Protein backbone atom coordinates (compact mmCIF):
# COMPACT_ATOMS: atom_id res chain seq x y z
CA MET A 1 -62.20 -18.85 -15.00
CA THR A 2 -59.83 -21.57 -16.75
CA ILE A 3 -59.06 -25.46 -15.67
CA ARG A 4 -56.22 -26.22 -15.91
CA ARG A 5 -54.10 -29.70 -14.46
CA GLY A 6 -52.10 -29.68 -11.57
CA THR A 7 -48.14 -28.70 -10.74
CA PRO A 8 -46.34 -28.94 -8.32
CA ASP A 9 -46.15 -24.88 -8.00
CA ASP A 10 -49.45 -25.39 -6.75
CA ILE A 11 -49.20 -27.48 -3.79
CA ARG A 12 -48.81 -25.43 -1.04
CA ALA A 13 -52.13 -22.91 -3.33
CA CYS A 14 -54.54 -26.71 -2.99
CA PHE A 15 -53.39 -27.15 0.50
CA ASP A 16 -54.39 -23.19 1.83
CA LEU A 17 -57.41 -23.93 0.13
CA SER A 18 -58.38 -27.27 1.73
CA ILE A 19 -57.87 -25.29 5.28
CA ALA A 20 -60.40 -22.83 4.61
CA SER A 21 -62.88 -25.01 3.10
CA MET A 22 -62.16 -27.27 5.64
CA GLY A 23 -62.77 -24.59 7.94
CA ASP A 24 -65.90 -23.88 6.38
CA LEU A 25 -67.48 -27.14 6.87
CA PHE A 26 -66.50 -26.86 10.04
CA ALA A 27 -67.67 -23.45 11.23
CA ARG A 28 -71.13 -25.07 9.16
CA GLN A 29 -71.60 -28.20 10.96
CA GLY A 30 -70.98 -26.57 14.67
CA ASN A 31 -67.47 -28.42 15.37
CA GLU A 32 -64.20 -26.42 15.74
CA PHE A 33 -61.01 -27.14 13.32
CA PHE A 34 -58.15 -27.68 16.11
CA SER A 35 -55.37 -27.07 13.03
CA ASP A 36 -52.54 -24.71 12.72
CA PRO A 37 -52.16 -23.95 9.11
CA GLU A 38 -48.25 -24.24 9.22
CA GLU A 39 -47.74 -27.10 11.93
CA PHE A 40 -50.13 -28.80 9.89
CA TRP A 41 -48.37 -28.24 6.19
CA ARG A 42 -44.88 -29.14 7.53
CA HIS A 43 -46.57 -32.06 8.85
CA LEU A 44 -48.66 -33.27 5.17
CA GLU A 45 -46.15 -31.51 2.51
CA PRO A 46 -44.16 -35.30 2.28
CA LEU A 47 -47.40 -36.54 1.45
CA LEU A 48 -49.03 -34.24 0.20
CA ARG A 49 -45.96 -33.70 -2.69
CA HIS A 50 -45.80 -37.90 -2.62
CA VAL A 51 -50.17 -37.09 -3.83
CA ALA A 52 -49.33 -34.52 -6.14
CA THR A 53 -46.35 -36.65 -7.35
CA THR A 54 -48.12 -40.20 -8.33
CA ALA A 55 -51.71 -38.67 -9.25
CA ALA A 56 -53.34 -39.96 -11.74
CA GLU A 57 -55.77 -36.83 -12.20
CA TRP A 58 -54.74 -33.11 -10.57
CA TRP A 59 -57.27 -30.44 -11.79
CA ILE A 60 -56.94 -26.08 -10.86
CA ALA A 61 -59.93 -23.73 -11.04
CA VAL A 62 -58.49 -20.16 -11.35
CA ASP A 63 -59.70 -16.66 -12.12
CA ASP A 64 -59.31 -15.41 -14.86
CA ALA A 65 -58.80 -11.55 -13.35
CA ASP A 66 -56.44 -12.48 -10.65
CA ALA A 67 -54.83 -15.83 -11.00
CA ALA A 68 -56.94 -16.27 -7.67
CA MET A 69 -57.26 -20.91 -6.82
CA LEU A 70 -60.60 -21.49 -6.81
CA GLY A 71 -60.75 -25.49 -6.02
CA TYR A 72 -58.93 -28.18 -7.77
CA SER A 73 -59.68 -31.77 -7.50
CA ARG A 74 -57.28 -34.63 -7.46
CA SER A 75 -57.48 -38.75 -7.85
CA VAL A 76 -54.91 -41.42 -7.98
CA GLU A 77 -55.08 -45.24 -9.38
CA ARG A 78 -53.23 -48.02 -7.15
CA GLY A 79 -54.64 -50.79 -9.47
CA GLY A 80 -57.81 -50.20 -9.97
CA LEU A 81 -58.52 -49.40 -7.43
CA PHE A 82 -59.87 -45.30 -8.40
CA GLU A 83 -60.16 -42.88 -5.72
CA LEU A 84 -61.23 -39.06 -5.37
CA THR A 85 -58.98 -37.60 -2.72
CA GLU A 86 -59.37 -34.53 -3.12
CA LEU A 87 -62.51 -32.40 -4.23
CA PHE A 88 -62.12 -28.62 -2.48
CA VAL A 89 -63.67 -25.55 -3.49
CA ARG A 90 -63.13 -22.04 -2.30
CA PRO A 91 -66.10 -21.05 0.60
CA ASP A 92 -67.62 -18.23 -1.84
CA ARG A 93 -67.23 -20.17 -5.09
CA GLN A 94 -69.64 -23.47 -3.12
CA SER A 95 -72.83 -24.15 -4.65
CA ALA A 96 -72.26 -22.21 -8.47
CA GLY A 97 -71.40 -25.50 -10.32
CA LEU A 98 -67.52 -25.92 -10.44
CA GLY A 99 -67.58 -28.59 -8.76
CA ARG A 100 -68.96 -30.36 -10.72
CA GLU A 101 -66.40 -29.06 -13.67
CA LEU A 102 -64.13 -30.61 -11.96
CA ILE A 103 -64.92 -33.90 -10.26
CA GLU A 104 -65.52 -34.32 -14.13
CA ARG A 105 -62.21 -34.37 -14.63
CA ALA A 106 -60.16 -35.79 -11.66
CA PHE A 107 -62.56 -38.75 -11.86
CA PRO A 108 -64.59 -38.85 -14.63
CA LEU A 109 -67.30 -41.77 -14.27
CA GLY A 110 -66.02 -45.51 -16.79
CA ARG A 111 -62.56 -45.28 -15.49
CA GLY A 112 -61.49 -47.67 -12.52
CA ALA A 113 -62.01 -51.24 -11.63
CA VAL A 114 -63.60 -50.29 -7.67
CA ARG A 115 -63.97 -46.44 -7.73
CA ALA A 116 -63.84 -44.85 -4.05
CA ILE A 117 -64.15 -42.27 -2.19
CA ILE A 118 -63.41 -40.94 2.00
CA ALA A 119 -66.42 -38.03 1.99
CA THR A 120 -66.58 -35.76 4.67
CA THR A 121 -70.94 -36.05 5.89
CA ASP A 122 -71.20 -32.40 4.16
CA VAL A 123 -74.99 -32.93 2.21
CA ARG A 124 -74.04 -30.88 -0.75
CA ALA A 125 -70.40 -32.86 -1.37
CA LEU A 126 -72.82 -36.62 -0.77
CA ALA A 127 -74.74 -35.41 -3.52
CA ARG A 128 -72.17 -35.26 -5.27
CA TYR A 129 -70.36 -38.78 -5.03
CA TYR A 130 -73.93 -40.22 -5.17
CA ARG A 131 -73.83 -38.63 -9.27
CA ALA A 132 -70.49 -40.43 -9.23
CA GLY A 133 -71.28 -42.94 -9.02
CA THR A 134 -70.36 -44.30 -5.80
CA VAL A 135 -72.55 -45.45 -2.64
CA VAL A 136 -71.46 -44.75 1.39
CA ARG A 137 -70.80 -48.23 1.94
CA PHE A 138 -69.57 -47.32 6.46
CA PRO A 139 -68.75 -44.66 8.13
CA ILE A 140 -64.29 -44.26 9.90
CA ALA A 141 -63.84 -42.91 12.97
CA SER A 142 -61.45 -40.69 13.81
CA MET A 143 -59.49 -42.12 16.52
CA SER A 144 -56.56 -40.49 19.34
CA GLY A 145 -55.12 -41.20 22.76
CA SER A 146 -52.27 -41.30 23.89
CA PRO A 147 -50.01 -44.43 23.44
CA ALA A 148 -48.47 -43.88 26.80
CA SER A 149 -51.62 -45.60 28.38
CA ALA A 150 -51.09 -48.39 26.27
CA ASP A 151 -50.04 -51.72 27.88
CA ALA A 152 -46.59 -53.12 27.46
CA PRO A 153 -46.60 -54.81 23.54
CA ASP A 154 -48.06 -58.71 23.46
CA LEU A 155 -47.73 -60.79 20.99
CA GLY A 156 -48.55 -63.61 21.11
CA GLY A 157 -46.26 -65.69 19.46
CA LEU A 158 -46.04 -62.95 16.15
CA GLU A 159 -42.28 -61.81 14.90
CA ALA A 160 -42.11 -58.23 14.08
CA ALA A 161 -38.87 -56.92 12.04
CA THR A 162 -39.09 -53.26 11.21
CA ALA A 163 -40.04 -53.49 7.55
CA THR A 164 -37.90 -52.82 4.53
CA LEU A 165 -37.65 -52.88 0.66
CA GLU A 166 -37.04 -56.08 0.48
CA ASP A 167 -40.51 -56.95 2.11
CA VAL A 168 -42.24 -54.97 -0.03
CA PRO A 169 -43.84 -58.32 -1.95
CA GLU A 170 -45.06 -59.24 1.50
CA LEU A 171 -46.47 -56.49 2.24
CA ALA A 172 -48.31 -56.02 -1.69
CA ALA A 173 -49.24 -59.18 -1.00
CA ILE A 174 -51.49 -58.86 2.81
CA GLU A 175 -53.06 -55.60 1.08
CA THR A 176 -54.16 -57.93 -2.57
CA ALA A 177 -55.88 -60.08 0.49
CA VAL A 178 -57.17 -57.82 2.48
CA LEU A 179 -58.28 -54.63 0.22
CA GLY A 180 -57.90 -56.36 -2.78
CA TYR A 181 -55.48 -54.38 -3.86
CA PRO A 182 -51.31 -53.50 -3.58
CA ARG A 183 -50.71 -49.43 -3.21
CA ASP A 184 -47.17 -50.40 -5.42
CA ASP A 185 -46.54 -45.70 -5.88
CA ASP A 186 -47.02 -45.92 -2.41
CA TYR A 187 -44.14 -48.54 -0.71
CA ALA A 188 -41.38 -46.84 -1.35
CA TRP A 189 -42.27 -43.23 0.77
CA LEU A 190 -44.25 -45.02 2.72
CA LEU A 191 -40.94 -46.84 4.28
CA GLU A 192 -38.76 -43.85 3.80
CA GLN A 193 -41.45 -42.01 5.62
CA ARG A 194 -42.46 -44.05 8.61
CA SER A 195 -41.88 -46.66 10.89
CA GLY A 196 -43.10 -49.71 9.38
CA THR A 197 -43.24 -52.69 11.05
CA ILE A 198 -43.84 -56.22 8.93
CA PHE A 199 -45.33 -59.26 11.62
CA ARG A 200 -45.24 -63.11 10.78
CA ARG A 201 -45.69 -66.19 12.24
CA ALA A 202 -43.71 -69.33 11.69
CA GLY A 203 -42.09 -66.82 8.86
CA ARG A 204 -45.43 -66.40 7.93
CA ALA A 205 -46.20 -62.68 6.65
CA ILE A 206 -49.31 -62.52 8.82
CA GLY A 207 -49.46 -58.11 8.89
CA PHE A 208 -48.12 -54.68 8.59
CA SER A 209 -48.58 -51.35 10.85
CA PHE A 210 -46.93 -47.88 10.07
CA VAL A 211 -46.54 -44.94 12.20
CA SER A 212 -45.76 -41.36 11.80
CA ALA A 213 -46.43 -38.31 13.91
CA ALA A 214 -47.30 -37.09 10.13
CA GLY A 215 -49.64 -39.42 10.49
CA SER A 216 -50.05 -43.14 10.91
CA GLY A 217 -51.24 -46.01 8.73
CA PRO A 218 -51.68 -48.04 7.12
CA ILE A 219 -52.50 -51.45 8.71
CA ALA A 220 -53.06 -54.96 8.02
CA ALA A 221 -53.71 -58.32 8.97
CA LEU A 222 -54.85 -61.46 7.94
CA ASP A 223 -56.94 -62.33 10.76
CA PRO A 224 -57.98 -59.46 12.14
CA THR A 225 -57.36 -61.53 15.85
CA ASP A 226 -54.49 -60.44 15.47
CA LEU A 227 -54.69 -56.49 15.02
CA VAL A 228 -54.76 -56.44 18.97
CA PRO A 229 -51.00 -57.59 18.56
CA ILE A 230 -49.84 -55.12 16.19
CA LEU A 231 -52.24 -52.05 17.15
CA GLY A 232 -49.93 -52.68 20.71
CA HIS A 233 -46.85 -52.76 19.00
CA ALA A 234 -47.31 -49.68 17.28
CA GLN A 235 -48.50 -47.74 20.10
CA ALA A 236 -45.31 -48.79 21.84
CA ARG A 237 -43.25 -47.94 18.27
CA ALA A 238 -45.31 -44.40 19.15
CA ARG A 239 -44.22 -44.24 22.08
CA ALA A 240 -40.68 -44.55 21.13
CA LEU A 241 -41.14 -42.18 18.34
CA GLY A 242 -41.80 -39.33 21.51
CA MET A 243 -45.34 -39.08 20.11
CA ASP A 244 -47.83 -37.70 22.67
CA GLU A 245 -50.71 -38.78 21.16
CA LEU A 246 -51.34 -41.51 17.84
CA SER A 247 -54.07 -41.16 15.94
CA LEU A 248 -55.74 -43.31 13.49
CA ASP A 249 -58.77 -43.61 11.51
CA VAL A 250 -61.02 -46.51 11.57
CA PRO A 251 -63.79 -48.01 9.88
CA MET A 252 -65.62 -48.30 12.07
CA PRO A 253 -66.86 -52.29 11.23
CA ASN A 254 -63.30 -52.90 12.86
CA GLU A 255 -65.16 -54.45 15.69
CA VAL A 256 -61.59 -55.39 17.19
CA ALA A 257 -59.24 -52.43 16.46
CA MET A 258 -62.17 -50.91 17.77
CA ARG A 259 -62.77 -51.84 20.99
CA HIS A 260 -59.48 -52.85 21.62
CA LEU A 261 -58.99 -48.47 21.47
CA LEU A 262 -62.28 -47.76 22.91
CA GLY A 263 -60.71 -49.86 25.42
CA ARG A 264 -57.18 -47.83 26.38
CA GLY A 265 -59.68 -44.84 26.22
CA TYR A 266 -58.73 -44.13 22.82
CA LYS A 267 -62.10 -41.01 21.74
CA ILE A 268 -63.29 -40.56 18.38
CA ASP A 269 -63.04 -37.28 17.58
CA PRO A 270 -65.98 -35.71 15.59
CA PRO A 271 -66.67 -34.93 11.88
CA LEU A 272 -66.47 -38.16 11.08
CA THR A 273 -66.05 -39.45 7.62
CA MET A 274 -67.73 -42.44 4.74
CA LEU A 275 -66.27 -44.58 2.64
CA MET A 276 -68.06 -44.83 -0.73
CA SER A 277 -67.53 -46.23 -4.03
CA SER A 278 -69.32 -48.27 -7.00
CA GLU A 279 -69.37 -51.85 -5.48
CA PRO A 280 -68.08 -53.67 -2.22
CA PHE A 281 -65.19 -54.10 -1.15
CA GLY A 282 -62.56 -55.39 0.44
CA GLN A 283 -62.01 -56.97 4.13
CA PHE A 284 -62.35 -53.47 6.40
CA ASP A 285 -62.70 -55.97 9.86
CA ARG A 286 -58.47 -56.09 9.29
CA PHE A 287 -57.64 -52.76 7.59
CA ILE A 288 -56.50 -49.75 8.91
CA PRO A 289 -56.23 -46.59 5.46
CA PHE A 290 -53.72 -44.74 5.50
CA GLY A 291 -53.76 -41.27 8.04
CA PRO A 292 -54.78 -38.39 7.03
CA SER A 293 -58.08 -39.94 5.00
CA LEU A 294 -56.93 -38.82 2.14
CA PHE A 295 -56.88 -42.20 0.67
CA LEU A 296 -57.06 -45.65 1.41
C-alpha cells in the first residue's frame, strides 16, 4: 500500500469511494441511501473540485498491486479554523488501521487554533475523532421541505440585495462575528455557484444567505431573530430558482431555525451528524452551515 498526496485526477475516484462508504454506513445503521450516484456527482462536482483546489491536506491510499483506491482523507483551513472534511475507507478495508494513518496526515494534532469535524454517528469514526482531539458539541439536523409551502417573505424592515464580490468584506465581517472565522477561500466560489443575498438594516449588513439546487448555506444573522425573515427569503428564492425541495443542515441549538422550518412542514431526515471540535466556538444559534455538510 502507498499513501500519497491527492491530485485533480483523483476527484472522481474519491467521490466513488465516498459513495460506497456512505452506502455501507447507511445500510449498517438501517437507513436507506437514496442518492443516485450520477445525479449526486453532477450536483457535487463543482464543490468537490473547489475543495480539492483549496484543500489544506489531501491524502490517498492506493493498493500497490492494482493501484485501486483504498481510502482518502482531506482537510481545509480557513483562518485558524482547521476542518477535516472527509475521511473514507473502502468498506472491505475498514477496521484495519488505515483510517488512523489517513487522519494523521490530513488532520495532524497541534494544527489549527480550532479543530473541527462534521461527523457521522459511526461509533468507530467517533472514537477516532476523539483521539484526534475533538469532542462532540451538538447534533446537526438535515432538514428538507418544499419551498412552495413558504409564506410570502415578510422582511420585517430588512433590505435584501443580491450579494456580489463587492460585499465580500461585509460577508466576512458577519461570519467572523458569528462563526469566529471568515471563509476567504470560499466567497468567490459561493457567489458564482449559489444565489447569494445580503441583508441590511438601515444600511448595516446584518446577515446573508446562499441557496442553490446543488446545496444551500451558509446562512447567518448577527441577531438570531433575523433568521425568520432571512429563511423566508431563502425559501422564496428557492421557489424562484425552480427548486422542488430545499435542504438545510441546521445546528440543533439553532432554536429559531429549527422551529421556523418545522412549523412550515420541513422534516428531519436521518441520520443526524455531529459537530465535533477541539474547543467551543461560534454562535450556532444564528448560523446554518454549508450544505452538503463537508465543512462549516
